[in-house]
Protein backbone atom coordinates (compact mmCIF):
# COMPACT_ATOMS: atom_id res chain seq x y z
CA MET A 1 5.31 -10.72 -23.09
CA ILE A 2 4.52 -10.41 -19.96
CA LYS A 3 1.72 -8.36 -18.50
CA ILE A 4 1.95 -7.59 -13.99
CA TYR A 5 -0.54 -5.94 -12.05
CA ALA A 6 0.51 -5.13 -8.38
CA PRO A 7 -2.39 -3.04 -5.89
CA ALA A 8 -2.55 -0.24 -3.68
CA SER A 9 -1.75 -1.01 -0.14
CA ILE A 10 -3.18 0.48 3.33
CA GLY A 11 -0.45 0.89 5.34
CA ASN A 12 0.29 0.80 9.42
CA LEU A 13 -4.28 0.50 9.17
CA SER A 14 -3.86 2.85 12.94
CA VAL A 15 -2.88 0.15 15.18
CA GLY A 16 -0.25 -1.73 13.46
CA PHE A 17 2.41 0.58 13.13
CA ASP A 18 4.77 -1.41 10.34
CA ILE A 19 2.99 -4.65 10.66
CA LEU A 20 -0.06 -4.63 9.53
CA GLY A 21 -1.65 -3.79 5.75
CA ALA A 22 -4.22 -4.43 3.47
CA ALA A 23 -4.45 -4.80 -0.60
CA ILE A 24 -7.64 -2.28 -1.36
CA VAL A 25 -9.22 -2.68 -5.07
CA PRO A 26 -12.18 -0.23 -5.71
CA ILE A 27 -15.59 -1.31 -5.46
CA GLN A 28 -16.27 -0.04 -9.17
CA LYS A 29 -13.03 -0.17 -10.65
CA LYS A 30 -10.72 -3.05 -11.76
CA TYR A 31 -7.63 -1.75 -10.83
CA LEU A 32 -6.13 0.71 -8.44
CA GLY A 33 -1.81 -0.04 -8.52
CA ASP A 34 1.20 -0.12 -11.31
CA ILE A 35 1.13 -2.72 -13.70
CA VAL A 36 4.68 -3.59 -15.75
CA THR A 37 4.83 -5.68 -18.96
CA ILE A 38 7.65 -6.97 -20.22
CA GLN A 39 9.81 -9.01 -22.99
CA PHE A 40 13.19 -9.79 -22.90
CA SER A 41 14.64 -7.49 -25.19
CA LYS A 42 18.55 -6.90 -27.07
CA ASN A 43 19.32 -3.85 -24.67
CA PHE A 44 18.16 -3.21 -21.83
CA GLN A 45 14.71 -0.20 -22.33
CA LEU A 46 12.68 1.57 -19.92
CA THR A 47 9.51 2.64 -21.16
CA ASN A 48 7.31 5.18 -18.33
CA ILE A 49 3.28 5.56 -19.26
CA GLY A 50 0.41 5.57 -17.17
CA LYS A 51 -1.56 9.25 -15.46
CA PHE A 52 1.47 9.76 -12.24
CA SER A 53 4.84 8.69 -15.18
CA GLN A 54 5.26 11.94 -15.10
CA GLU A 55 6.80 11.99 -11.52
CA LEU A 56 9.43 9.80 -11.80
CA PRO A 57 12.74 10.44 -11.31
CA LYS A 58 14.48 11.16 -14.97
CA SER A 59 17.57 9.34 -14.64
CA ILE A 60 16.86 5.75 -15.71
CA TYR A 61 18.95 4.79 -12.62
CA ASP A 62 17.32 6.34 -10.20
CA ASN A 63 13.57 4.04 -11.24
CA LEU A 64 12.52 1.19 -8.50
CA THR A 65 12.31 -0.84 -11.74
CA TRP A 66 15.90 -0.66 -13.36
CA LYS A 67 17.79 -0.84 -9.36
CA ALA A 68 14.30 -3.73 -9.44
CA TRP A 69 15.88 -5.23 -12.65
CA LYS A 70 19.03 -4.12 -11.54
CA ILE A 71 19.68 -5.99 -7.87
CA PHE A 72 17.57 -9.63 -9.09
CA CYS A 73 19.09 -10.41 -12.01
CA LYS A 74 22.25 -9.83 -9.13
CA THR A 75 20.14 -12.23 -7.33
CA ILE A 76 20.05 -15.13 -9.66
CA LYS A 77 24.14 -14.01 -11.30
CA LYS A 78 21.96 -14.54 -14.54
CA LYS A 79 22.09 -10.26 -16.09
CA LYS A 80 19.19 -10.64 -19.34
CA ASN A 81 18.33 -6.93 -20.66
CA VAL A 82 14.49 -6.32 -21.47
CA HIS A 83 11.80 -4.14 -22.44
CA ILE A 84 10.31 -2.90 -20.08
CA ILE A 85 6.66 -0.39 -19.80
CA LEU A 86 6.19 0.97 -16.01
CA GLU A 87 2.14 1.52 -16.64
CA LYS A 88 2.58 4.26 -13.50
CA ASN A 89 -0.78 4.91 -12.32
CA LEU A 90 -0.50 5.06 -8.50
CA PRO A 91 0.95 9.40 -7.40
CA ILE A 92 4.09 8.73 -5.50
CA SER A 93 4.75 9.79 -1.83
CA SER A 94 0.85 9.40 -1.41
CA GLY A 95 0.48 6.82 1.32
CA LEU A 96 -0.37 4.13 -1.30
CA GLY A 97 2.51 2.15 -1.23
CA SER A 98 3.28 4.01 -4.97
CA SER A 99 7.58 2.67 -4.49
CA ALA A 100 5.70 -0.83 -3.30
CA SER A 101 3.54 -1.22 -6.06
CA SER A 102 5.49 -0.61 -8.64
CA ILE A 103 8.51 -2.95 -6.99
CA VAL A 104 6.33 -5.60 -6.24
CA ALA A 105 5.40 -5.42 -10.10
CA THR A 106 8.87 -5.43 -11.18
CA LEU A 107 9.84 -7.89 -9.41
CA VAL A 108 7.25 -10.38 -9.74
CA ALA A 109 7.33 -9.24 -14.00
CA LEU A 110 11.36 -10.38 -14.39
CA ASN A 111 10.39 -13.30 -11.86
CA THR A 112 7.79 -14.55 -13.99
CA LEU A 113 9.51 -13.84 -16.85
CA PHE A 114 13.14 -15.79 -16.19
CA LYS A 115 10.49 -18.66 -14.94
CA LYS A 116 10.31 -18.41 -11.19
CA PRO A 117 13.63 -18.84 -10.06
CA LEU A 118 13.04 -17.47 -6.85
CA LYS A 119 10.80 -18.31 -3.76
CA LYS A 120 8.58 -15.96 -2.92
CA LYS A 121 10.61 -15.54 0.91
CA LYS A 122 13.26 -14.51 -1.41
CA LEU A 123 11.16 -12.31 -2.90
CA ILE A 124 9.71 -10.11 0.20
CA GLN A 125 13.13 -10.45 0.97
CA LEU A 126 14.33 -8.56 -2.07
CA MET A 127 10.99 -6.19 -1.86
CA GLY A 128 12.74 -5.00 1.74
CA ILE A 129 15.54 -4.04 0.58
CA LEU A 130 14.12 -1.72 -2.18
CA GLU A 131 11.39 -0.04 -0.10
CA LYS A 132 14.58 0.68 2.18
CA ASP A 133 16.05 2.50 -0.25
CA VAL A 134 12.97 5.01 -0.45
CA SER A 135 12.19 5.15 2.42
CA ASN A 136 15.75 4.89 4.66
CA GLU A 137 14.23 2.22 6.35
CA LYS A 138 13.55 -1.13 5.88
CA HIS A 139 9.52 -2.41 5.94
CA TYR A 140 7.19 -4.57 4.74
CA ASP A 141 3.98 -3.09 4.76
CA ASN A 142 3.07 -2.23 2.15
CA VAL A 143 4.99 -4.72 -0.68
CA ILE A 144 3.12 -8.42 1.14
CA PRO A 145 -0.25 -7.70 0.92
CA SER A 146 0.73 -5.87 -2.63
CA TYR A 147 2.44 -9.24 -3.50
CA LEU A 148 0.46 -11.21 -1.82
CA GLY A 149 -3.29 -10.06 -1.31
CA GLY A 150 -5.57 -9.22 2.38
CA ILE A 151 -4.64 -8.11 5.66
CA ARG A 152 -0.83 -9.59 6.18
CA LEU A 153 0.55 -9.10 10.17
CA ILE A 154 4.03 -9.17 9.24
CA ILE A 155 6.76 -10.43 11.18
CA LYS A 156 10.51 -9.02 11.08
CA LYS A 157 13.07 -11.75 12.65
CA GLN A 158 15.51 -13.51 10.66
CA ASN A 159 13.35 -14.22 7.65
CA CYS A 160 10.07 -11.79 7.36
CA ILE A 161 6.62 -13.79 7.62
CA SER A 162 3.55 -12.54 6.95
CA GLN A 163 0.11 -14.08 8.80
CA ASN A 164 -2.54 -14.24 6.32
CA LEU A 165 -5.75 -12.08 8.72
CA PRO A 166 -9.63 -12.39 8.22
CA TYR A 167 -11.38 -9.60 7.52
CA PHE A 168 -15.00 -8.20 7.11
CA LYS A 169 -16.44 -8.78 3.49
CA ASN A 170 -19.56 -5.36 4.99
CA TRP A 171 -16.15 -3.40 5.37
CA PHE A 172 -15.98 -0.55 2.44
CA TRP A 173 -12.66 0.99 2.37
CA VAL A 174 -13.30 5.03 1.58
CA ILE A 175 -9.40 6.13 0.44
CA SER A 176 -8.64 9.79 -0.07
CA TRP A 177 -5.88 11.44 -1.90
CA PRO A 178 -5.36 15.15 -1.73
CA GLY A 179 -3.93 15.33 -5.19
CA THR A 180 -0.08 17.01 -3.54
CA LYS A 181 2.85 14.41 -1.93
CA LEU A 182 4.05 13.81 2.40
CA SER A 183 7.22 11.84 1.43
CA THR A 184 7.40 8.68 4.13
CA SER A 185 11.16 10.28 5.47
CA LYS A 186 9.33 13.68 5.93
CA SER A 187 6.89 11.10 7.25
CA ARG A 188 8.07 9.51 9.59
CA SER A 189 10.59 12.18 10.82
CA VAL A 190 7.97 13.96 12.79
CA LEU A 191 7.65 10.93 15.31
CA PRO A 192 9.49 10.35 18.25
CA ASN A 193 12.28 8.03 19.09
CA SER A 194 10.96 6.70 22.14
CA TYR A 195 7.06 6.57 23.90
CA SER A 196 6.20 6.51 27.41
CA LYS A 197 5.25 4.00 29.17
CA LYS A 198 1.31 4.56 28.81
CA ASP A 199 1.14 4.30 24.97
CA CYS A 200 2.86 1.61 24.57
CA ILE A 201 0.20 -0.26 25.83
CA GLU A 202 -2.33 0.83 24.56
CA ASN A 203 -0.79 0.32 21.34
CA SER A 204 -0.75 -2.92 22.23
CA LYS A 205 -3.82 -3.44 23.82
CA ASN A 206 -5.21 -1.79 20.37
CA LEU A 207 -3.62 -3.77 18.08
CA SER A 208 -4.05 -7.63 20.30
CA CYS A 209 -7.82 -6.48 20.17
CA PHE A 210 -7.59 -5.72 17.20
CA ILE A 211 -6.10 -8.99 15.90
CA HIS A 212 -8.96 -10.95 18.33
CA ALA A 213 -11.79 -8.78 16.65
CA LEU A 214 -10.70 -9.98 13.39
CA HIS A 215 -10.39 -13.59 14.02
CA SER A 216 -13.82 -13.35 16.68
CA LYS A 217 -15.91 -11.69 13.49
CA LYS A 218 -16.72 -8.73 16.08
CA SER A 219 -16.74 -6.16 13.23
CA ASP A 220 -18.06 -2.89 15.35
CA LEU A 221 -15.01 -4.37 18.50
CA ALA A 222 -12.34 -4.65 15.48
CA ALA A 223 -13.13 -0.75 14.19
CA SER A 224 -13.00 0.28 17.85
CA PHE A 225 -10.13 -0.36 19.13
CA MET A 226 -8.92 1.50 15.28
CA HIS A 227 -7.66 3.51 17.12
CA ASP A 228 -3.55 4.99 16.67
CA VAL A 229 -1.46 6.42 19.96
CA ILE A 230 1.76 5.96 18.28
CA ALA A 231 1.71 7.61 14.83
CA GLU A 232 -1.23 9.95 14.08
CA PRO A 233 -0.44 12.21 17.14
CA TYR A 234 2.30 13.16 15.35
CA ARG A 235 1.57 13.12 11.74
CA LYS A 236 -1.81 14.43 12.27
CA LYS A 237 -0.23 17.62 11.57
CA LEU A 238 0.88 17.36 8.54
CA LEU A 239 -2.36 17.00 6.96
CA LYS A 240 -5.12 19.33 6.44
CA ASN A 241 -7.93 19.36 8.83
CA PHE A 242 -7.69 15.59 9.98
CA SER A 243 -9.72 16.51 13.30
CA LEU A 244 -12.26 17.53 11.28
CA HIS A 245 -13.07 15.31 9.08
CA LYS A 246 -12.43 13.27 11.65
CA LYS A 247 -15.11 14.42 13.46
CA ASN A 248 -17.89 15.22 10.47
CA VAL A 249 -17.45 11.28 9.32
CA LYS A 250 -17.84 10.18 12.28
CA LYS A 251 -21.16 12.09 12.52
CA ILE A 252 -22.30 10.35 8.61
CA GLY A 253 -22.01 7.21 10.41
CA SER A 254 -18.51 5.54 10.11
CA ILE A 255 -16.59 2.86 12.21
CA ALA A 256 -12.92 3.77 12.02
CA TYR A 257 -10.85 6.47 10.75
CA GLY A 258 -7.25 6.85 9.51
CA ILE A 259 -3.63 7.52 8.01
CA SER A 260 -3.29 5.93 4.59
CA GLY A 261 0.57 4.24 5.60
CA SER A 262 2.41 7.62 5.66
CA GLY A 263 -0.23 9.94 4.14
CA PRO A 264 -1.80 11.93 3.13
CA THR A 265 -4.35 9.77 1.80
CA ILE A 266 -6.48 8.88 4.57
CA PHE A 267 -8.91 6.06 4.71
CA SER A 268 -12.34 6.18 6.27
CA ILE A 269 -13.83 2.98 7.04
CA CYS A 270 -17.86 2.31 6.87
CA ASP A 271 -19.93 -1.25 7.17
CA ASN A 272 -22.94 -0.48 4.67
CA GLU A 273 -22.05 0.94 1.29
CA THR A 274 -24.23 3.91 1.45
CA THR A 275 -22.45 5.53 4.24
CA ALA A 276 -19.35 5.08 2.31
CA GLU A 277 -20.70 7.45 -0.67
CA GLU A 278 -21.71 9.47 1.45
CA VAL A 279 -18.58 9.60 3.16
CA LYS A 280 -17.10 9.99 -1.16
CA LYS A 281 -19.05 13.05 -1.33
CA TYR A 282 -17.59 14.56 1.51
CA PHE A 283 -14.05 13.89 0.90
CA LEU A 284 -14.56 14.76 -2.73
CA LYS A 285 -15.85 18.32 -1.25
CA ASN A 286 -13.65 18.69 1.92
CA TYR A 287 -10.13 16.56 0.97
CA ILE A 288 -9.71 17.56 -2.22
CA GLN A 289 -7.19 20.51 -2.97
CA ASN A 290 -6.65 19.72 -6.75
CA LYS A 291 -8.17 18.13 -9.66
CA LYS A 292 -5.29 15.28 -9.66
CA GLY A 293 -6.91 14.28 -5.87
CA PHE A 294 -9.23 11.32 -6.22
CA SER A 295 -11.18 8.99 -3.41
CA TYR A 296 -12.74 5.85 -4.30
CA ILE A 297 -14.41 3.49 -1.71
CA CYS A 298 -12.89 -0.29 -2.00
CA GLN A 299 -12.77 -3.79 -0.40
CA ILE A 300 -9.66 -6.13 0.39
CA ASP A 301 -7.44 -7.64 -3.08
CA SER A 302 -7.55 -10.88 -1.75
CA ILE A 303 -5.37 -11.54 -4.59
CA GLY A 304 -2.15 -9.53 -4.72
CA ALA A 305 -0.04 -9.55 -7.90
CA ARG A 306 -1.28 -11.00 -10.99
CA LYS A 307 -1.13 -11.63 -14.69
CA ILE A 308 -3.39 -9.87 -16.29
CA GLY A 309 -4.69 -9.96 -19.92
CA LYS A 310 -6.82 -10.74 -22.76
CA LYS A 311 -8.44 -13.40 -20.27
CA SER A 312 -9.53 -13.86 -16.73
CA ASP A 313 -6.51 -12.61 -13.89
CA GLU A 314 -3.95 -15.01 -13.00
CA ILE A 315 -2.60 -15.39 -9.04
CA ILE A 316 1.01 -15.14 -9.52
């Protein structure tokens, strides 16, 4: 029996629409992500458990875990039945890479159980195909950081390539999910088909300066360029009081603020834990809309998907 965990992730990071993503881990909680337990079985079985398992499709054939098993077996040209237990710990359509976490955990679990017939590049290709099934577009800004950890720059050419970027260990990422859903397809539908030359230049400046600041270890400079001109101006209307919250958390001491992926989760970056605690309290009071919502103080998860169990975690 093999047990694999894949962490939650933040896509875009404001300045990197579809090409930047970060794996995250709460500072006071070991895991924030889906867990897959797998073993060989006489018949294919899929058991859904976890806090958000009731949100999964009723039909097994609509479940990403089943689709991952199907495409994996087709790729290796070998079909063996397995029993998969999907522990669904991330809310669906939350902006935290919920689908990516399930996809990554399942494919890594399958590849591990079958003695690793597929290399990382091939696994990533399959992850992208399965993500397309969710959002109608093949993108990697959640699956790659969830799989490999860290902050990742994704370059899509013939083969998907990712670069591991440096990050600031004193950055505390306060994430807040209000308890509501916002589908990726709906969030993408509000974006324009074309952008002005001014916005394209501004976005290029912000992205290049942000990456330069990461490499040159200039925290304040990096935060100052986390300004989204591609998605945020159009998506913020889908999030309740987004601009007001942005103004208020900056007063508290947040150095950057944005939409996590396609939303409705938002994130705020603080350069010390005390400020992060204050921002978290603010989100809990003002952004959470029902009992299901949550807010965590996180840092970058440098590991990504890994085996878990009674012994210490093992990097895949």
